[in-house]
Each structure stands twice: as structure tokens, then as C-alpha cells.
Amino acid sequence: MKKYLPKIYPRPERHKPAVMIEVERMKQPFTGLYYFSLHLAENLYRYYGNEFDFTFFKYPGVKLPSHLKSVSRKWMDKIFLYKDLKYDLWHATWQLTKFVPKGKIKFVYTIHDLNFLYTDMPGDEKRRFLNRMQKIIDRADKITAISHYVKNDIEQYLNTRGKEIAVIHNGVELKTFPDFNRPHYRPVRPFLFTLGTVVYKKHFHVLPALLPGTDYELVIAGIHSDPDYLDTIRREARKHGVEDRVSLIGPVTDKEKYWYLKNAEAFLFPSISEGFGLPPVEAMRLGKPVFLSRYTSLPEIGGGYAYYFDNFSPEHMRRVLAEGLKDFKENDRTEAIKRWSLNFTWEEAVRKYTTVYRRVLDGS
């Protein structure tokens, strides 16, 4: 008699939580939010694509790497964003997002900064932005901030309703192009470099004052979104008699950025309003001396491995630059600076984001 064997069915594949990540701010290339969104998407998929089913919510026309699943947002999504049946969790990655899901879908909210509070924006508009953020916080299951500085601002100006704020520093992923040697602008002298959208809060206009008494050229790269501020920088250069040594070169490619960072004598970042500060860490990844302001998140990001402008008087800034460069060369700080920069990796950032996703999905 043939022995009966029960039929064995294949074990069903474990359900992977469906997670929608908003990367809509990639519609503005060459910005910090563009690179944040791109690297977040790539590294979430790289390290945790086997655990979560990721979809990336993008602006129409923006191209993501082909292996990333994405959907393009529609104008009605600002009003009717019902995704309950399809997604288990939605992650909004910008503090002023207009895309907040309705219903019971779990919701994670990342805040990069409250920089608008430190501008000359009218008070009514500041209150409008705060009210908008408060409504999103009220909806959120979990809040994350990209620095302890931002966390403190949130707790000071908004009501978290007792919700814990997870601080998750941004990762830094600097692409290297060691054979590239053709930037669209090549300095003719040893040069100091800075990078960022050329607007007042970056405070680039204080930098021409560093050049008198030196042979340096100053190279300022980044999007020119404020013509009046460009004129301010040029006026400062004329005031100090260095207009022929200040170059406003506009946005740069990844290859050019690497070339300028690698070849600069130092990286300067006197910003007065940062939630994190990506470019300084990119420069530190190459072991470069970095000079920062004391404002907002920058001391947290530069730690004891950057040099700091305590104020913006020309005499003080020149002294800090000269003494910092001397210290850097005489004490061979390169490797220590590189090691510090490795505190900010995307592998660690996405590990922390996915820990948040699990806890929210589990209701813990």
C-alpha cells in the first residue's frame, strides 16, 4: 500500500510593507534637497529593498535610476492624497510638503529646518508656515529632524503633542572623479572655494574681505537665484579691491564639484542659516580644512575638526583663516578630518530611518 504523503505547499512569501517616500523636491536640481532625496532613495533601496517595498513619489519629468519604482505626483494630490489601500506608510521628506496622506496610513515627517524664522520674512507669513507645519506634526506618527539644532527649534516653536523627535543626521555621498581635469572655469591662482545656492543666508558676501594681503582667488559655485545678492557680493569685492579675484561660476556638475573640492586650499561656509550643512562634510571627506560660521547647525556638523568664524569682521576672519591654515599644515589634520566626516554616512542614515519605519508600523 502506497504511503500517504500530505501535499506540501510552498510557504507564502512574507509581506513586505509598502512604503511611499516623497522625493518631490528633486524638481530643483543642484540643491541640498535634491541630493538628499536622491541619496535617500538610492540607499533605502540598496540596503533595505529586500525588507520594504519602496515607491518614490516624484515630480513629473524627474528621472530616478531605472531600478527604483516611482510614481509622478498629480496636481490633485495636494488636495486628495488617499493612499490607504495601497501603502502601509508614507514618508514626507520636506517640512513644507503639500503632500500629506489622509486616512489611517502611517505617516513619518522629516523636518530639515525652520530657517524662515531667521529671515526678514513678514511675521504673518512666518506664522502661516508655522501653522502649516503644526498641522503636519499633528498628523504625523513620528517626527525626524536632521540635526539636534533643528530638533531644538521644533521643540521651541511648535507643539509636538508629546511625540518623540528622532535626530537622523544626513548621509554624505561624495562621488569621486580622480581623472577629471576639465572644469568649465579653471582658477589661475591658488583658490578658496565655497558652494551653495547664492542667497543672503549663505553669507558669501563676507568672503571677499579674506583676500587682501593674500594671493588667493575666491570661487563661489551655486545657483544664482537672487540677482540683487550677486550685486552685493560684487560690491564687497570692489570695496576690498579684489573684484578680479572673485569668481561667481554658477552651478557645477558632480565632476566639477569634486575637482574644486580636491584642488581648493580650503573650503569656506559662513552660512547663518543651516539645518545640516552638506557641502562642508563633502569637503571634509577629502580631508580639506573647513572654515564655518558659529551659527545654527554648523558647529554640530563640523565638531572639533573645523575652524570657526566667531564674527564677520574682516580682521577676525583673516586671522582665523591664517591661523587655521597654519594649524592644518603644521599638524597634518587631513586624516583626522576624513575620519570625522565618516560620522555622516547614508548607510547609517537609512538604518535609522528604517528603524523608525518598523516602530511606526508596529505601533511601538
Protein backbone atom coordinates (compact mmCIF):
# COMPACT_ATOMS: atom_id res chain seq x y z
CA MET A 1 0.00 0.00 0.00
CA LYS A 2 1.38 3.37 -1.02
CA LYS A 3 2.13 5.52 1.96
CA TYR A 4 0.11 8.74 2.01
CA LEU A 5 2.17 11.92 1.98
CA PRO A 6 0.42 15.21 2.58
CA LYS A 7 0.77 17.72 -0.18
CA ILE A 8 3.35 20.37 0.67
CA TYR A 9 2.52 23.89 -0.42
CA PRO A 10 5.27 26.47 -0.84
CA ARG A 11 5.47 28.82 2.09
CA PRO A 12 3.93 32.16 1.09
CA GLU A 13 6.40 35.00 0.73
CA ARG A 14 6.46 37.27 3.74
CA HIS A 15 4.59 40.50 3.11
CA LYS A 16 6.91 43.44 2.60
CA PRO A 17 5.48 46.69 3.96
CA ALA A 18 4.67 49.09 1.15
CA VAL A 19 6.39 52.40 1.86
CA MET A 20 5.97 55.58 -0.17
CA ILE A 21 8.87 58.04 0.05
CA GLU A 22 8.27 61.59 -1.14
CA VAL A 23 11.17 62.87 -3.29
CA GLU A 24 9.19 65.66 -4.94
CA ARG A 25 11.83 68.29 -4.14
CA MET A 26 14.11 66.73 -6.74
CA LYS A 27 12.33 69.10 -9.11
CA GLN A 28 15.02 71.65 -8.10
CA PRO A 29 18.38 70.25 -9.24
CA PHE A 30 21.74 71.32 -7.75
CA THR A 31 20.16 71.92 -4.32
CA GLY A 32 20.67 70.21 -0.99
CA LEU A 33 17.13 68.80 -1.05
CA TYR A 34 17.71 67.34 -4.50
CA TYR A 35 20.76 65.39 -3.35
CA PHE A 36 19.14 64.44 -0.04
CA SER A 37 16.17 62.94 -1.87
CA LEU A 38 18.27 61.14 -4.48
CA HIS A 39 20.69 59.60 -1.99
CA LEU A 40 17.91 58.66 0.43
CA ALA A 41 16.09 56.81 -2.37
CA GLU A 42 19.17 55.03 -3.67
CA ASN A 43 20.36 53.90 -0.25
CA LEU A 44 16.98 52.84 1.12
CA TYR A 45 16.64 50.53 -1.86
CA ARG A 46 20.27 49.40 -1.70
CA TYR A 47 20.28 48.40 1.95
CA TYR A 48 16.62 47.63 2.70
CA GLY A 49 14.91 46.87 -0.60
CA ASN A 50 14.64 43.23 0.47
CA GLU A 51 12.63 44.20 3.57
CA PHE A 52 10.42 47.05 2.33
CA ASP A 53 8.56 47.59 -0.94
CA PHE A 54 9.63 51.17 -1.71
CA THR A 55 7.89 53.51 -4.12
CA PHE A 56 9.17 57.05 -4.70
CA PHE A 57 6.73 59.92 -5.14
CA LYS A 58 8.34 62.36 -7.57
CA TYR A 59 7.73 65.46 -9.64
CA PRO A 60 6.68 64.74 -13.26
CA GLY A 61 9.69 64.67 -15.58
CA VAL A 62 12.24 63.97 -12.86
CA LYS A 63 14.20 60.83 -13.69
CA LEU A 64 15.20 58.38 -11.00
CA PRO A 65 17.54 55.42 -11.55
CA SER A 66 15.61 52.80 -13.53
CA HIS A 67 15.69 50.18 -10.75
CA LEU A 68 13.69 52.46 -8.41
CA LYS A 69 9.91 52.18 -8.59
CA SER A 70 8.25 55.58 -8.74
CA VAL A 71 5.01 57.42 -9.37
CA SER A 72 4.65 61.01 -10.57
CA ARG A 73 2.55 63.33 -8.49
CA LYS A 74 -0.56 64.97 -9.96
CA TRP A 75 -1.81 68.42 -9.12
CA MET A 76 -4.85 66.99 -7.33
CA ASP A 77 -2.56 65.11 -4.94
CA LYS A 78 -2.16 68.35 -2.99
CA ILE A 79 -5.83 68.07 -2.07
CA PHE A 80 -6.84 64.42 -2.34
CA LEU A 81 -3.99 62.17 -1.27
CA TYR A 82 -5.73 58.89 -0.40
CA LYS A 83 -3.27 56.02 -0.37
CA ASP A 84 -4.64 53.87 2.47
CA LEU A 85 -5.38 50.78 0.43
CA LYS A 86 -2.04 50.59 -1.34
CA TYR A 87 0.63 51.82 1.09
CA ASP A 88 1.36 50.98 4.70
CA LEU A 89 3.50 54.05 5.41
CA TRP A 90 4.12 57.45 3.85
CA HIS A 91 7.35 59.40 4.48
CA ALA A 92 7.25 63.16 3.80
CA THR A 93 10.84 64.36 3.45
CA TRP A 94 10.42 68.15 3.50
CA GLN A 95 8.98 70.32 6.24
CA LEU A 96 6.71 72.40 3.99
CA THR A 97 5.38 69.49 1.97
CA LYS A 98 1.97 69.85 0.36
CA PHE A 99 1.54 66.09 0.14
CA VAL A 100 0.10 64.70 3.37
CA PRO A 101 -1.92 61.49 3.14
CA LYS A 102 -5.41 61.35 4.54
CA GLY A 103 -6.92 58.41 6.35
CA LYS A 104 -5.12 55.88 8.52
CA ILE A 105 -1.89 55.32 6.63
CA LYS A 106 1.12 55.60 8.93
CA PHE A 107 2.97 58.87 8.44
CA VAL A 108 6.61 59.88 9.09
CA TYR A 109 7.54 63.56 8.81
CA THR A 110 11.12 64.82 8.30
CA ILE A 111 11.98 68.44 9.13
CA HIS A 112 15.17 69.93 7.70
CA ASP A 113 14.99 73.39 9.24
CA LEU A 114 12.91 76.31 10.39
CA ASN A 115 15.16 78.75 8.57
CA PHE A 116 12.29 81.00 7.57
CA LEU A 117 12.15 82.18 11.20
CA TYR A 118 15.58 83.78 10.82
CA THR A 119 14.84 85.84 7.74
CA ASP A 120 13.20 89.22 7.16
CA MET A 121 10.02 87.45 6.06
CA PRO A 122 6.90 89.25 7.35
CA GLY A 123 5.60 87.95 10.67
CA ASP A 124 2.25 86.91 9.19
CA GLU A 125 3.99 84.69 6.66
CA LYS A 126 6.19 83.12 9.33
CA ARG A 127 3.08 82.30 11.37
CA ARG A 128 1.44 80.82 8.27
CA PHE A 129 4.40 78.47 7.74
CA LEU A 130 4.42 77.50 11.42
CA ASN A 131 0.68 76.78 11.31
CA ARG A 132 1.19 74.65 8.21
CA MET A 133 3.94 72.66 9.91
CA GLN A 134 1.86 72.30 13.07
CA LYS A 135 -0.95 70.65 11.11
CA ILE A 136 1.51 68.18 9.61
CA ILE A 137 3.01 67.44 13.04
CA ASP A 138 -0.50 66.79 14.36
CA ARG A 139 -0.99 64.23 11.57
CA ALA A 140 2.43 62.57 11.94
CA ASP A 141 3.03 59.30 13.72
CA LYS A 142 6.74 60.10 14.00
CA ILE A 143 8.87 63.23 13.51
CA THR A 144 12.51 63.19 12.45
CA ALA A 145 14.98 66.09 12.33
CA ILE A 146 18.31 66.23 10.52
CA SER A 147 20.24 67.75 13.43
CA HIS A 148 19.94 68.39 17.15
CA TYR A 149 19.82 72.09 16.31
CA VAL A 150 16.66 71.55 14.25
CA LYS A 151 15.16 69.36 16.98
CA ASN A 152 15.63 72.20 19.48
CA ASP A 153 13.96 74.67 17.10
CA ILE A 154 10.98 72.34 16.64
CA GLU A 155 10.53 71.98 20.38
CA GLN A 156 10.80 75.73 20.88
CA TYR A 157 8.40 76.90 18.18
CA LEU A 158 5.98 74.00 17.63
CA ASN A 159 3.91 71.62 19.75
CA THR A 160 4.92 68.01 19.17
CA ARG A 161 1.98 66.71 21.27
CA GLY A 162 4.41 64.59 23.21
CA LYS A 163 5.76 62.87 20.11
CA GLU A 164 9.43 61.98 20.27
CA ILE A 165 11.72 63.54 17.67
CA ALA A 166 14.35 61.23 16.20
CA VAL A 167 17.54 63.02 15.12
CA ILE A 168 18.93 61.43 11.96
CA HIS A 169 21.92 63.23 10.50
CA ASN A 170 22.12 63.30 6.73
CA GLY A 171 24.46 60.95 4.99
CA VAL A 172 27.17 62.30 2.73
CA GLU A 173 27.98 60.57 -0.52
CA LEU A 174 30.69 62.35 -2.49
CA LYS A 175 31.21 60.91 -5.94
CA THR A 176 34.86 60.92 -6.95
CA PHE A 177 36.31 61.51 -10.39
CA PRO A 178 40.09 61.35 -9.95
CA ASP A 179 40.80 61.54 -13.69
CA PHE A 180 38.58 64.56 -14.36
CA ASN A 181 40.55 67.73 -15.09
CA ARG A 182 38.31 69.96 -17.20
CA PRO A 183 36.16 72.27 -15.04
CA HIS A 184 34.28 74.90 -17.03
CA TYR A 185 36.18 77.53 -15.04
CA ARG A 186 39.79 76.93 -14.03
CA PRO A 187 41.23 79.32 -11.40
CA VAL A 188 44.55 80.90 -12.34
CA ARG A 189 45.75 81.15 -8.72
CA PRO A 190 45.56 79.02 -5.57
CA PHE A 191 41.92 79.32 -4.58
CA LEU A 192 39.43 79.21 -1.74
CA PHE A 193 36.13 77.51 -2.56
CA THR A 194 32.52 77.67 -1.42
CA LEU A 195 29.35 76.08 -2.72
CA GLY A 196 25.63 76.66 -2.23
CA THR A 197 22.62 78.49 -3.60
CA VAL A 198 23.82 82.08 -3.80
CA VAL A 199 21.37 83.79 -1.44
CA TYR A 200 21.81 86.06 1.57
CA LYS A 201 21.55 83.35 4.24
CA LYS A 202 24.71 81.72 2.86
CA HIS A 203 26.52 84.97 3.71
CA PHE A 204 29.01 84.63 0.87
CA HIS A 205 29.36 88.43 0.72
CA VAL A 206 31.66 88.39 3.78
CA LEU A 207 34.25 86.26 1.98
CA PRO A 208 35.93 88.79 -0.38
CA ALA A 209 37.31 90.51 2.73
CA LEU A 210 39.59 87.47 3.20
CA LEU A 211 41.57 88.12 0.03
CA PRO A 212 43.53 91.36 0.66
CA GLY A 213 47.09 90.55 1.64
CA THR A 214 46.90 87.08 0.05
CA ASP A 215 47.39 85.61 -3.42
CA TYR A 216 44.17 83.62 -3.25
CA GLU A 217 41.25 83.65 -5.62
CA LEU A 218 37.73 83.05 -4.28
CA VAL A 219 35.50 80.68 -6.28
CA ILE A 220 31.77 80.72 -5.43
CA ALA A 221 29.72 77.94 -7.05
CA GLY A 222 25.96 77.54 -6.93
CA ILE A 223 22.63 78.54 -8.42
CA HIS A 224 22.16 82.28 -8.98
CA SER A 225 18.61 82.76 -7.75
CA ASP A 226 18.91 86.35 -6.43
CA PRO A 227 20.47 88.94 -8.80
CA ASP A 228 20.46 91.60 -6.08
CA TYR A 229 22.57 89.40 -3.83
CA LEU A 230 25.07 88.78 -6.64
CA ASP A 231 25.45 92.57 -6.82
CA THR A 232 26.05 92.65 -3.05
CA ILE A 233 28.93 90.19 -3.40
CA ARG A 234 30.42 92.14 -6.30
CA ARG A 235 30.19 95.40 -4.32
CA GLU A 236 32.07 93.81 -1.43
CA ALA A 237 34.73 92.58 -3.83
CA ARG A 238 35.16 96.11 -5.25
CA LYS A 239 35.21 97.57 -1.75
CA HIS A 240 38.21 95.39 -0.86
CA GLY A 241 39.89 95.86 -4.26
CA VAL A 242 39.68 92.18 -5.19
CA GLU A 243 36.98 92.14 -7.88
CA ASP A 244 39.43 90.45 -10.28
CA ARG A 245 39.86 87.57 -7.80
CA VAL A 246 36.22 86.73 -7.03
CA SER A 247 34.56 84.32 -9.46
CA LEU A 248 30.83 83.54 -9.36
CA ILE A 249 30.76 80.45 -11.57
CA GLY A 250 27.15 79.27 -11.24
CA PRO A 251 26.04 75.65 -10.71
CA VAL A 252 28.58 72.88 -11.20
CA THR A 253 28.36 69.22 -12.15
CA ASP A 254 29.35 66.43 -9.75
CA LYS A 255 32.65 66.10 -11.61
CA GLU A 256 33.38 69.81 -11.32
CA LYS A 257 32.38 69.91 -7.66
CA TYR A 258 34.84 67.11 -6.93
CA TRP A 259 37.59 68.92 -8.84
CA TYR A 260 37.07 72.19 -6.96
CA LEU A 261 36.90 70.48 -3.57
CA LYS A 262 40.01 68.43 -4.29
CA ASN A 263 42.09 71.34 -5.56
CA ALA A 264 40.99 74.15 -3.22
CA GLU A 265 43.29 75.36 -0.47
CA ALA A 266 40.30 75.47 1.88
CA PHE A 267 36.52 75.29 1.91
CA LEU A 268 34.61 78.27 3.35
CA PHE A 269 31.00 78.18 4.57
CA PRO A 270 29.94 81.29 6.53
CA SER A 271 26.21 80.46 6.35
CA ILE A 272 23.94 81.91 9.04
CA SER A 273 21.05 79.50 8.45
CA GLU A 274 21.57 75.75 8.05
CA GLY A 275 19.62 72.71 9.16
CA PHE A 276 22.59 70.45 8.48
CA GLY A 277 25.32 71.66 6.12
CA LEU A 278 26.15 69.13 3.40
CA PRO A 279 28.97 70.90 1.47
CA PRO A 280 31.30 71.23 4.49
CA VAL A 281 31.11 67.49 5.14
CA GLU A 282 31.81 66.79 1.47
CA ALA A 283 34.96 68.89 1.75
CA MET A 284 35.93 67.13 4.99
CA ARG A 285 35.50 63.77 3.26
CA LEU A 286 38.53 64.81 1.19
CA GLY A 287 40.43 65.95 4.27
CA LYS A 288 40.20 69.65 3.45
CA PRO A 289 40.39 72.42 6.05
CA VAL A 290 36.89 73.80 6.50
CA PHE A 291 36.00 77.27 7.86
CA LEU A 292 32.46 77.70 9.19
CA SER A 293 30.33 80.26 10.95
CA ARG A 294 29.20 79.58 14.53
CA TYR A 295 25.54 79.79 13.50
CA THR A 296 22.75 77.21 13.64
CA SER A 297 23.76 73.57 12.99
CA LEU A 298 27.29 74.14 11.70
CA PRO A 299 29.20 73.65 14.99
CA GLU A 300 27.33 70.35 15.41
CA ILE A 301 28.35 69.20 11.93
CA GLY A 302 31.94 70.49 11.96
CA GLY A 303 32.65 69.45 15.54
CA GLY A 304 36.22 69.98 16.69
CA TYR A 305 37.53 69.32 13.19
CA ALA A 306 36.57 72.61 11.56
CA TYR A 307 37.74 76.20 12.11
CA TYR A 308 35.15 78.81 13.08
CA PHE A 309 34.44 82.47 12.40
CA ASP A 310 33.07 83.88 15.66
CA ASN A 311 32.09 87.06 13.87
CA PHE A 312 32.37 88.50 10.38
CA SER A 313 34.76 91.40 10.92
CA PRO A 314 37.44 91.27 8.20
CA GLU A 315 40.29 91.34 10.72
CA HIS A 316 38.89 88.44 12.72
CA MET A 317 38.12 86.34 9.64
CA ARG A 318 41.59 86.89 8.17
CA ARG A 319 43.17 85.86 11.45
CA VAL A 320 41.04 82.70 11.70
CA LEU A 321 41.88 81.76 8.11
CA ALA A 322 45.62 82.32 8.51
CA GLU A 323 45.86 80.55 11.86
CA GLY A 324 43.63 77.70 10.71
CA LEU A 325 45.65 77.03 7.56
CA LYS A 326 48.85 77.13 9.58
CA ASP A 327 47.45 74.66 12.13
CA PHE A 328 46.17 72.37 9.38
CA LYS A 329 49.54 72.18 7.63
CA GLU A 330 51.81 72.04 10.66
CA ASN A 331 49.76 69.38 12.45
CA ASP A 332 48.72 67.33 9.39
CA ARG A 333 44.99 67.29 10.18
CA THR A 334 43.93 65.58 6.93
CA GLU A 335 43.26 62.06 8.19
CA ALA A 336 41.53 63.20 11.38
CA ILE A 337 39.18 65.38 9.33
CA LYS A 338 38.39 62.49 6.97
CA ARG A 339 37.60 60.21 9.91
CA TRP A 340 35.24 62.78 11.42
CA SER A 341 33.35 63.05 8.13
CA LEU A 342 32.61 59.32 8.29
CA ASN A 343 30.17 60.02 11.13
CA PHE A 344 27.79 61.08 8.35
CA THR A 345 27.10 58.11 6.06
CA TRP A 346 23.98 57.11 4.19
CA GLU A 347 24.32 53.55 5.41
CA GLU A 348 23.83 54.81 8.97
CA ALA A 349 21.12 57.31 8.00
CA VAL A 350 18.91 54.75 6.25
CA ARG A 351 19.47 52.27 9.10
CA LYS A 352 17.93 54.85 11.43
CA TYR A 353 15.09 55.76 9.03
CA THR A 354 14.11 52.11 8.62
CA THR A 355 14.21 51.66 12.40
CA VAL A 356 11.65 54.48 12.57
CA TYR A 357 9.54 52.79 9.86
CA ARG A 358 9.47 49.49 11.78
CA ARG A 359 8.49 51.14 15.04
CA VAL A 360 5.72 53.14 13.41
CA LEU A 361 4.39 50.12 11.55
CA ASP A 362 4.47 48.05 14.74
CA GLY A 363 2.73 50.81 16.69
CA SER A 364 5.60 51.00 19.19
